[in-house]
Amino acid sequence: MKIAIISDTHGNLANIKRILDWLAREKISFIIHCGDVAGSAALRDGFGKFDGKILLVMGNADFGFKEDYEILPDIKVFEKQGEVVLDKKQIAFAHYLEPARDLANSGKYNLVFYGHTHRPWEEKIGDCRIVNPGEAAGQYQKSTFAVYNTQTEKLELKILELLA
């Protein structure tokens, strides 16, 4: 199973739509969002149109929109951190680096994803891969997200401007 890991979209509806269109073409129907969607329109007109499942953890730019998250049935929202098991992979996600490191240090997870820093990053803590997919908004860095294949364990960073 392939999953998309997205973070820090910051209301950039154009980038959200481009990413979702690419995911649809690639038949990827599961997203983990590591926070900072930042806007009702991004939820309703962007992620609300996604034909799949979304797990989302709230970031520092999301707390004014909590009611909006609750009206979208295919989005499961976590306030501080979330977790899921996919193809026997224990996966956790948070918005901030320190809670993500705590999750990785727990020894309970194969993968931990996080956002907030706007920079793509991967490191290993024990047997756990800890990954930041970068920022989808393209505010400070190029717009990026990641795709992880749970069966092959291949993780790819996708740069939005290079996608066909």
N, C-alpha and C. Protein backbone atom coordinates (compact mmCIF):
# COMPACT_ATOMS: atom_id res chain seq x y z
N MET A 1 0.84 -1.18 0.00
CA MET A 1 0.00 0.00 0.00
C MET A 1 0.89 1.24 0.00
N LYS A 2 0.55 2.20 -0.84
CA LYS A 2 1.26 3.47 -0.86
C LYS A 2 0.45 4.51 -0.10
N ILE A 3 1.15 5.29 0.71
CA ILE A 3 0.51 6.39 1.44
C ILE A 3 1.28 7.67 1.18
N ALA A 4 0.54 8.78 1.20
CA ALA A 4 1.16 10.09 1.04
C ALA A 4 1.30 10.71 2.43
N ILE A 5 2.43 11.36 2.65
CA ILE A 5 2.66 12.09 3.88
C ILE A 5 2.85 13.54 3.49
N ILE A 6 1.96 14.38 4.03
CA ILE A 6 1.91 15.79 3.66
C ILE A 6 1.97 16.61 4.94
N SER A 7 2.55 17.79 4.87
CA SER A 7 2.54 18.68 6.02
C SER A 7 2.58 20.13 5.56
N ASP A 8 2.17 20.99 6.45
CA ASP A 8 2.33 22.44 6.28
C ASP A 8 1.83 22.94 4.93
N THR A 9 0.54 22.68 4.67
CA THR A 9 -0.07 23.18 3.44
C THR A 9 -0.46 24.65 3.56
N HIS A 10 -0.66 25.13 4.76
CA HIS A 10 -0.91 26.55 5.05
C HIS A 10 -1.89 27.21 4.09
N GLY A 11 -2.97 26.51 3.79
CA GLY A 11 -4.04 27.09 3.00
C GLY A 11 -3.74 27.27 1.53
N ASN A 12 -2.63 26.75 1.04
CA ASN A 12 -2.28 26.90 -0.38
C ASN A 12 -3.12 25.92 -1.20
N LEU A 13 -4.31 26.37 -1.56
CA LEU A 13 -5.29 25.53 -2.25
C LEU A 13 -4.77 25.04 -3.61
N ALA A 14 -4.04 25.87 -4.32
CA ALA A 14 -3.51 25.46 -5.63
C ALA A 14 -2.56 24.28 -5.47
N ASN A 15 -1.66 24.33 -4.50
CA ASN A 15 -0.73 23.22 -4.29
C ASN A 15 -1.45 21.98 -3.79
N ILE A 16 -2.43 22.17 -2.92
CA ILE A 16 -3.21 21.04 -2.42
C ILE A 16 -3.88 20.33 -3.59
N LYS A 17 -4.51 21.08 -4.45
CA LYS A 17 -5.19 20.47 -5.60
C LYS A 17 -4.21 19.75 -6.52
N ARG A 18 -3.05 20.32 -6.75
CA ARG A 18 -2.05 19.66 -7.60
C ARG A 18 -1.58 18.35 -6.98
N ILE A 19 -1.36 18.37 -5.67
CA ILE A 19 -0.93 17.14 -4.99
C ILE A 19 -2.03 16.09 -5.06
N LEU A 20 -3.27 16.49 -4.76
CA LEU A 20 -4.38 15.54 -4.76
C LEU A 20 -4.63 14.98 -6.17
N ASP A 21 -4.47 15.80 -7.19
CA ASP A 21 -4.61 15.31 -8.57
C ASP A 21 -3.55 14.26 -8.88
N TRP A 22 -2.31 14.52 -8.45
CA TRP A 22 -1.23 13.56 -8.67
C TRP A 22 -1.51 12.26 -7.91
N LEU A 23 -1.95 12.37 -6.66
CA LEU A 23 -2.28 11.17 -5.88
C LEU A 23 -3.37 10.35 -6.55
N ALA A 24 -4.38 11.03 -7.10
CA ALA A 24 -5.47 10.32 -7.79
C ALA A 24 -4.92 9.57 -9.01
N ARG A 25 -4.04 10.21 -9.79
CA ARG A 25 -3.45 9.55 -10.96
C ARG A 25 -2.62 8.33 -10.55
N GLU A 26 -1.97 8.44 -9.40
CA GLU A 26 -1.12 7.35 -8.91
C GLU A 26 -1.91 6.32 -8.10
N LYS A 27 -3.21 6.57 -7.95
CA LYS A 27 -4.10 5.67 -7.20
C LYS A 27 -3.67 5.50 -5.74
N ILE A 28 -3.25 6.61 -5.16
CA ILE A 28 -2.91 6.65 -3.73
C ILE A 28 -4.10 7.24 -3.00
N SER A 29 -4.68 6.47 -2.12
CA SER A 29 -5.93 6.90 -1.48
C SER A 29 -5.84 6.98 0.04
N PHE A 30 -4.63 7.18 0.55
CA PHE A 30 -4.44 7.31 2.00
C PHE A 30 -3.42 8.42 2.24
N ILE A 31 -3.80 9.38 3.07
CA ILE A 31 -2.93 10.52 3.40
C ILE A 31 -2.76 10.59 4.91
N ILE A 32 -1.52 10.81 5.33
CA ILE A 32 -1.24 11.25 6.69
C ILE A 32 -0.79 12.70 6.56
N HIS A 33 -1.52 13.60 7.23
CA HIS A 33 -1.18 15.03 7.19
C HIS A 33 -0.64 15.42 8.55
N CYS A 34 0.56 15.97 8.57
CA CYS A 34 1.26 16.29 9.82
C CYS A 34 1.01 17.71 10.31
N GLY A 35 -0.10 18.30 9.93
CA GLY A 35 -0.51 19.56 10.53
C GLY A 35 -0.26 20.81 9.71
N ASP A 36 -0.93 21.86 10.15
CA ASP A 36 -0.93 23.18 9.52
C ASP A 36 -1.59 23.18 8.14
N VAL A 37 -2.81 22.62 8.09
CA VAL A 37 -3.66 22.79 6.91
C VAL A 37 -3.99 24.27 6.79
N ALA A 38 -4.41 24.85 7.91
CA ALA A 38 -4.59 26.30 8.07
C ALA A 38 -5.65 26.92 7.17
N GLY A 39 -6.85 26.44 7.27
CA GLY A 39 -7.90 27.15 6.57
C GLY A 39 -9.10 26.32 6.22
N SER A 40 -10.25 26.93 6.33
CA SER A 40 -11.51 26.26 5.99
C SER A 40 -11.56 25.89 4.51
N ALA A 41 -11.10 26.79 3.65
CA ALA A 41 -11.15 26.52 2.21
C ALA A 41 -10.23 25.36 1.86
N ALA A 42 -9.06 25.29 2.50
CA ALA A 42 -8.14 24.19 2.24
C ALA A 42 -8.77 22.86 2.61
N LEU A 43 -9.54 22.87 3.67
CA LEU A 43 -10.23 21.64 4.09
C LEU A 43 -11.39 21.32 3.16
N ARG A 44 -12.28 22.26 3.02
CA ARG A 44 -13.53 22.04 2.28
C ARG A 44 -13.27 21.83 0.79
N ASP A 45 -12.54 22.75 0.18
CA ASP A 45 -12.36 22.74 -1.28
C ASP A 45 -11.12 21.94 -1.72
N GLY A 46 -10.27 21.61 -0.77
CA GLY A 46 -9.08 20.82 -1.08
C GLY A 46 -9.24 19.41 -0.58
N PHE A 47 -8.87 19.18 0.67
CA PHE A 47 -8.89 17.83 1.23
C PHE A 47 -10.29 17.23 1.30
N GLY A 48 -11.31 18.06 1.41
CA GLY A 48 -12.69 17.56 1.42
C GLY A 48 -13.10 16.91 0.12
N LYS A 49 -12.38 17.18 -0.96
CA LYS A 49 -12.68 16.59 -2.28
C LYS A 49 -11.87 15.31 -2.54
N PHE A 50 -10.99 14.95 -1.60
CA PHE A 50 -10.13 13.78 -1.77
C PHE A 50 -10.95 12.50 -1.64
N ASP A 51 -10.77 11.60 -2.59
CA ASP A 51 -11.51 10.34 -2.59
C ASP A 51 -10.67 9.27 -1.90
N GLY A 52 -10.58 9.38 -0.59
CA GLY A 52 -9.78 8.43 0.18
C GLY A 52 -9.82 8.78 1.64
N LYS A 53 -8.91 8.22 2.39
CA LYS A 53 -8.85 8.40 3.84
C LYS A 53 -7.74 9.37 4.20
N ILE A 54 -8.03 10.26 5.15
CA ILE A 54 -7.03 11.20 5.64
C ILE A 54 -6.97 11.13 7.15
N LEU A 55 -5.75 10.96 7.68
CA LEU A 55 -5.49 11.10 9.10
C LEU A 55 -4.72 12.39 9.25
N LEU A 56 -5.15 13.24 10.16
CA LEU A 56 -4.57 14.57 10.26
C LEU A 56 -4.32 14.91 11.72
N VAL A 57 -3.14 15.41 12.01
CA VAL A 57 -2.85 15.93 13.33
C VAL A 57 -2.83 17.45 13.23
N MET A 58 -3.40 18.09 14.23
CA MET A 58 -3.48 19.56 14.19
C MET A 58 -2.12 20.18 14.48
N GLY A 59 -1.81 21.23 13.74
CA GLY A 59 -0.59 21.99 13.97
C GLY A 59 -0.91 23.32 14.61
N ASN A 60 0.09 24.13 14.82
CA ASN A 60 -0.09 25.42 15.49
C ASN A 60 -0.95 26.39 14.68
N ALA A 61 -1.10 26.18 13.38
CA ALA A 61 -1.92 27.07 12.55
C ALA A 61 -3.33 26.53 12.33
N ASP A 62 -3.71 25.46 13.06
CA ASP A 62 -4.99 24.80 12.80
C ASP A 62 -6.07 25.01 13.85
N PHE A 63 -5.76 25.54 14.99
CA PHE A 63 -6.72 25.49 16.08
C PHE A 63 -7.95 26.36 15.88
N GLY A 64 -7.93 27.34 15.03
CA GLY A 64 -9.12 28.11 14.74
C GLY A 64 -10.12 27.41 13.84
N PHE A 65 -9.76 26.23 13.36
CA PHE A 65 -10.58 25.55 12.35
C PHE A 65 -11.10 24.19 12.82
N LYS A 66 -11.01 23.91 14.12
CA LYS A 66 -11.37 22.58 14.62
C LYS A 66 -12.78 22.15 14.21
N GLU A 67 -13.73 23.05 14.26
CA GLU A 67 -15.11 22.70 13.88
C GLU A 67 -15.17 22.29 12.41
N ASP A 68 -14.37 22.93 11.56
CA ASP A 68 -14.35 22.58 10.14
C ASP A 68 -13.86 21.15 9.94
N TYR A 69 -12.87 20.73 10.71
CA TYR A 69 -12.34 19.38 10.57
C TYR A 69 -13.40 18.35 10.91
N GLU A 70 -14.22 18.65 11.88
CA GLU A 70 -15.20 17.68 12.37
C GLU A 70 -16.35 17.43 11.40
N ILE A 71 -16.55 18.29 10.40
CA ILE A 71 -17.66 18.08 9.48
C ILE A 71 -17.28 17.27 8.25
N LEU A 72 -16.01 16.94 8.12
CA LEU A 72 -15.55 16.18 6.96
C LEU A 72 -15.39 14.71 7.38
N PRO A 73 -16.29 13.84 6.91
CA PRO A 73 -16.34 12.48 7.42
C PRO A 73 -15.13 11.61 7.10
N ASP A 74 -14.39 11.89 6.04
CA ASP A 74 -13.26 11.03 5.69
C ASP A 74 -11.94 11.52 6.28
N ILE A 75 -12.00 12.52 7.14
CA ILE A 75 -10.80 13.02 7.79
C ILE A 75 -10.90 12.73 9.29
N LYS A 76 -9.94 11.95 9.78
CA LYS A 76 -9.88 11.70 11.22
C LYS A 76 -8.83 12.64 11.80
N VAL A 77 -9.24 13.43 12.79
CA VAL A 77 -8.38 14.48 13.32
C VAL A 77 -7.87 14.09 14.71
N PHE A 78 -6.59 14.29 14.90
CA PHE A 78 -5.93 14.10 16.20
C PHE A 78 -5.39 15.45 16.65
N GLU A 79 -5.51 15.74 17.93
CA GLU A 79 -5.05 17.06 18.39
C GLU A 79 -3.54 17.15 18.51
N LYS A 80 -2.89 16.14 19.09
CA LYS A 80 -1.44 16.26 19.32
C LYS A 80 -0.62 15.22 18.57
N GLN A 81 -1.13 13.99 18.54
CA GLN A 81 -0.42 12.94 17.81
C GLN A 81 -1.41 11.85 17.46
N GLY A 82 -1.08 11.11 16.42
CA GLY A 82 -1.94 10.02 15.99
C GLY A 82 -1.11 8.80 15.71
N GLU A 83 -1.81 7.68 15.53
CA GLU A 83 -1.12 6.46 15.17
C GLU A 83 -2.05 5.58 14.35
N VAL A 84 -1.42 4.71 13.57
CA VAL A 84 -2.16 3.79 12.71
C VAL A 84 -1.26 2.58 12.43
N VAL A 85 -1.87 1.45 12.19
CA VAL A 85 -1.14 0.26 11.75
C VAL A 85 -1.54 -0.01 10.30
N LEU A 86 -0.57 -0.04 9.40
CA LEU A 86 -0.80 -0.31 7.99
C LEU A 86 0.17 -1.40 7.54
N ASP A 87 -0.37 -2.50 7.02
CA ASP A 87 0.48 -3.62 6.59
C ASP A 87 1.50 -4.01 7.65
N LYS A 88 1.03 -4.09 8.88
CA LYS A 88 1.85 -4.48 10.04
C LYS A 88 2.94 -3.49 10.39
N LYS A 89 2.88 -2.30 9.83
CA LYS A 89 3.82 -1.23 10.17
C LYS A 89 3.15 -0.34 11.21
N GLN A 90 3.80 -0.16 12.34
CA GLN A 90 3.32 0.74 13.38
C GLN A 90 3.78 2.15 13.02
N ILE A 91 2.82 3.03 12.78
CA ILE A 91 3.13 4.38 12.31
C ILE A 91 2.51 5.40 13.27
N ALA A 92 3.30 6.39 13.64
CA ALA A 92 2.80 7.49 14.47
C ALA A 92 3.10 8.79 13.74
N PHE A 93 2.38 9.85 14.12
CA PHE A 93 2.62 11.14 13.50
C PHE A 93 2.26 12.25 14.47
N ALA A 94 2.98 13.37 14.33
CA ALA A 94 2.80 14.54 15.18
C ALA A 94 3.13 15.76 14.33
N HIS A 95 2.85 16.93 14.88
CA HIS A 95 3.24 18.13 14.13
C HIS A 95 4.67 18.56 14.48
N TYR A 96 5.00 18.50 15.75
CA TYR A 96 6.29 19.02 16.22
C TYR A 96 7.36 17.93 16.30
N LEU A 97 8.61 18.34 16.16
CA LEU A 97 9.75 17.43 16.18
C LEU A 97 9.91 16.73 17.53
N GLU A 98 9.87 17.45 18.63
CA GLU A 98 10.14 16.82 19.93
C GLU A 98 9.16 15.71 20.27
N PRO A 99 7.84 15.92 20.13
CA PRO A 99 6.93 14.78 20.35
C PRO A 99 7.20 13.62 19.38
N ALA A 100 7.58 13.94 18.15
CA ALA A 100 7.91 12.89 17.17
C ALA A 100 9.12 12.10 17.64
N ARG A 101 10.12 12.78 18.16
CA ARG A 101 11.31 12.07 18.68
C ARG A 101 10.94 11.21 19.89
N ASP A 102 10.05 11.73 20.75
CA ASP A 102 9.60 10.94 21.89
C ASP A 102 8.90 9.67 21.42
N LEU A 103 8.05 9.79 20.39
CA LEU A 103 7.37 8.63 19.84
C LEU A 103 8.38 7.62 19.28
N ALA A 104 9.37 8.13 18.55
CA ALA A 104 10.40 7.25 17.97
C ALA A 104 11.22 6.57 19.07
N ASN A 105 11.55 7.32 20.12
CA ASN A 105 12.33 6.77 21.23
C ASN A 105 11.56 5.73 22.04
N SER A 106 10.25 5.71 21.92
CA SER A 106 9.44 4.76 22.67
C SER A 106 9.71 3.31 22.24
N GLY A 107 10.24 3.12 21.04
CA GLY A 107 10.50 1.79 20.53
C GLY A 107 9.26 1.07 20.03
N LYS A 108 8.15 1.76 20.01
CA LYS A 108 6.87 1.16 19.64
C LYS A 108 6.58 1.24 18.14
N TYR A 109 7.25 2.12 17.41
CA TYR A 109 6.88 2.42 16.03
C TYR A 109 7.99 2.09 15.04
N ASN A 110 7.56 1.72 13.83
CA ASN A 110 8.49 1.55 12.72
C ASN A 110 8.79 2.87 12.05
N LEU A 111 7.77 3.74 12.00
CA LEU A 111 7.89 5.05 11.34
C LEU A 111 7.20 6.11 12.18
N VAL A 112 7.80 7.28 12.21
CA VAL A 112 7.15 8.45 12.82
C VAL A 112 7.31 9.60 11.83
N PHE A 113 6.19 10.26 11.54
CA PHE A 113 6.20 11.41 10.65
C PHE A 113 5.89 12.67 11.44
N TYR A 114 6.46 13.79 11.00
CA TYR A 114 6.19 15.08 11.66
C TYR A 114 6.33 16.20 10.64
N GLY A 115 5.94 17.40 11.03
CA GLY A 115 6.03 18.56 10.16
C GLY A 115 6.68 19.73 10.87
N HIS A 116 6.09 20.89 10.74
CA HIS A 116 6.40 22.15 11.43
C HIS A 116 7.68 22.84 10.97
N THR A 117 8.76 22.13 10.71
CA THR A 117 10.03 22.79 10.37
C THR A 117 10.09 23.24 8.92
N HIS A 118 9.19 22.74 8.09
CA HIS A 118 9.12 23.08 6.66
C HIS A 118 10.31 22.54 5.86
N ARG A 119 11.11 21.65 6.47
CA ARG A 119 12.27 21.10 5.78
C ARG A 119 12.18 19.58 5.72
N PRO A 120 12.34 19.00 4.53
CA PRO A 120 12.37 17.54 4.44
C PRO A 120 13.56 17.00 5.24
N TRP A 121 13.30 15.90 5.94
CA TRP A 121 14.36 15.34 6.76
C TRP A 121 14.04 13.89 7.06
N GLU A 122 15.06 13.07 7.13
CA GLU A 122 14.89 11.69 7.58
C GLU A 122 16.07 11.33 8.47
N GLU A 123 15.76 10.65 9.55
CA GLU A 123 16.81 10.13 10.42
C GLU A 123 16.32 8.82 11.03
N LYS A 124 17.22 8.14 11.70
CA LYS A 124 16.88 6.88 12.33
C LYS A 124 17.11 7.05 13.84
N ILE A 125 16.12 6.61 14.61
CA ILE A 125 16.25 6.57 16.05
C ILE A 125 15.98 5.12 16.44
N GLY A 126 17.02 4.41 16.83
CA GLY A 126 16.89 2.98 17.06
C GLY A 126 16.49 2.31 15.76
N ASP A 127 15.40 1.55 15.78
CA ASP A 127 14.90 0.90 14.57
C ASP A 127 13.81 1.71 13.88
N CYS A 128 13.55 2.90 14.36
CA CYS A 128 12.46 3.73 13.84
C CYS A 128 12.98 4.77 12.85
N ARG A 129 12.31 4.87 11.71
CA ARG A 129 12.58 5.97 10.77
C ARG A 129 11.71 7.14 11.17
N ILE A 130 12.31 8.30 11.32
CA ILE A 130 11.58 9.52 11.64
C ILE A 130 11.74 10.47 10.45
N VAL A 131 10.59 10.94 9.92
CA VAL A 131 10.59 11.61 8.61
C VAL A 131 9.74 12.87 8.65
N ASN A 132 10.29 13.93 8.08
CA ASN A 132 9.53 15.15 7.81
C ASN A 132 9.42 15.26 6.29
N PRO A 133 8.18 15.34 5.76
CA PRO A 133 8.02 15.42 4.30
C PRO A 133 8.25 16.81 3.72
N GLY A 134 8.62 17.77 4.56
CA GLY A 134 8.79 19.14 4.09
C GLY A 134 7.47 19.88 4.07
N GLU A 135 7.41 20.95 3.36
CA GLU A 135 6.20 21.77 3.32
C GLU A 135 5.53 21.71 1.96
N ALA A 136 4.23 21.50 1.99
CA ALA A 136 3.48 21.48 0.73
C ALA A 136 3.14 22.90 0.27
N ALA A 137 3.15 23.85 1.18
CA ALA A 137 2.76 25.22 0.83
C ALA A 137 3.76 25.93 -0.07
N GLY A 138 5.03 25.58 0.04
CA GLY A 138 6.04 26.27 -0.75
C GLY A 138 6.33 27.67 -0.23
N GLN A 139 6.19 27.89 1.06
CA GLN A 139 6.44 29.22 1.64
C GLN A 139 7.92 29.54 1.76
N TYR A 140 8.69 28.60 2.31
CA TYR A 140 10.11 28.84 2.59
C TYR A 140 11.03 27.94 1.79
N GLN A 141 10.50 26.81 1.37
CA GLN A 141 11.24 25.81 0.61
C GLN A 141 10.40 25.44 -0.61
N LYS A 142 10.95 24.61 -1.46
CA LYS A 142 10.13 24.07 -2.55
C LYS A 142 9.00 23.24 -1.95
N SER A 143 7.89 23.18 -2.64
CA SER A 143 6.74 22.41 -2.19
C SER A 143 7.04 20.93 -2.34
N THR A 144 7.00 20.20 -1.21
CA THR A 144 7.31 18.78 -1.21
C THR A 144 6.30 18.00 -0.37
N PHE A 145 6.27 16.71 -0.62
CA PHE A 145 5.55 15.75 0.22
C PHE A 145 6.25 14.42 0.01
N ALA A 146 5.84 13.39 0.76
CA ALA A 146 6.50 12.10 0.65
C ALA A 146 5.48 11.01 0.31
N VAL A 147 5.97 9.94 -0.28
CA VAL A 147 5.16 8.76 -0.54
C VAL A 147 5.92 7.57 0.05
N TYR A 148 5.21 6.79 0.84
CA TYR A 148 5.80 5.61 1.47
C TYR A 148 5.04 4.36 1.04
N ASN A 149 5.79 3.35 0.62
CA ASN A 149 5.21 2.07 0.24
C ASN A 149 5.39 1.12 1.42
N THR A 150 4.29 0.70 2.03
CA THR A 150 4.36 -0.12 3.23
C THR A 150 4.90 -1.52 2.95
N GLN A 151 4.80 -1.98 1.72
CA GLN A 151 5.28 -3.34 1.40
C GLN A 151 6.76 -3.36 1.07
N THR A 152 7.23 -2.38 0.29
CA THR A 152 8.65 -2.35 -0.08
C THR A 152 9.49 -1.52 0.88
N GLU A 153 8.82 -0.74 1.74
CA GLU A 153 9.45 0.19 2.69
C GLU A 153 10.22 1.31 1.99
N LYS A 154 9.89 1.54 0.72
CA LYS A 154 10.53 2.63 -0.03
C LYS A 154 9.84 3.94 0.30
N LEU A 155 10.64 4.92 0.62
CA LEU A 155 10.17 6.27 0.92
C LEU A 155 10.73 7.21 -0.13
N GLU A 156 9.84 7.99 -0.75
CA GLU A 156 10.27 8.92 -1.80
C GLU A 156 9.82 10.33 -1.46
N LEU A 157 10.72 11.28 -1.62
CA LEU A 157 10.36 12.69 -1.51
C LEU A 157 9.91 13.17 -2.88
N LYS A 158 8.77 13.81 -2.93
CA LYS A 158 8.24 14.32 -4.19
C LYS A 158 8.32 15.85 -4.16
N ILE A 159 8.89 16.41 -5.22
CA ILE A 159 8.97 17.86 -5.37
C ILE A 159 7.87 18.25 -6.35
N LEU A 160 6.92 19.05 -5.87
CA LEU A 160 5.71 19.34 -6.64
C LEU A 160 6.00 19.87 -8.03
N GLU A 161 6.93 20.77 -8.18
CA GLU A 161 7.18 21.37 -9.49
C GLU A 161 7.76 20.37 -10.50
N LEU A 162 8.26 19.23 -10.04
CA LEU A 162 8.84 18.24 -10.94
C LEU A 162 7.85 17.13 -11.31
N LEU A 163 6.65 17.15 -10.73
CA LEU A 163 5.67 16.11 -11.03
C LEU A 163 4.99 16.38 -12.35
N ALA A 164 4.74 15.32 -13.10
CA ALA A 164 4.07 15.45 -14.40
C ALA A 164 2.58 15.66 -14.20
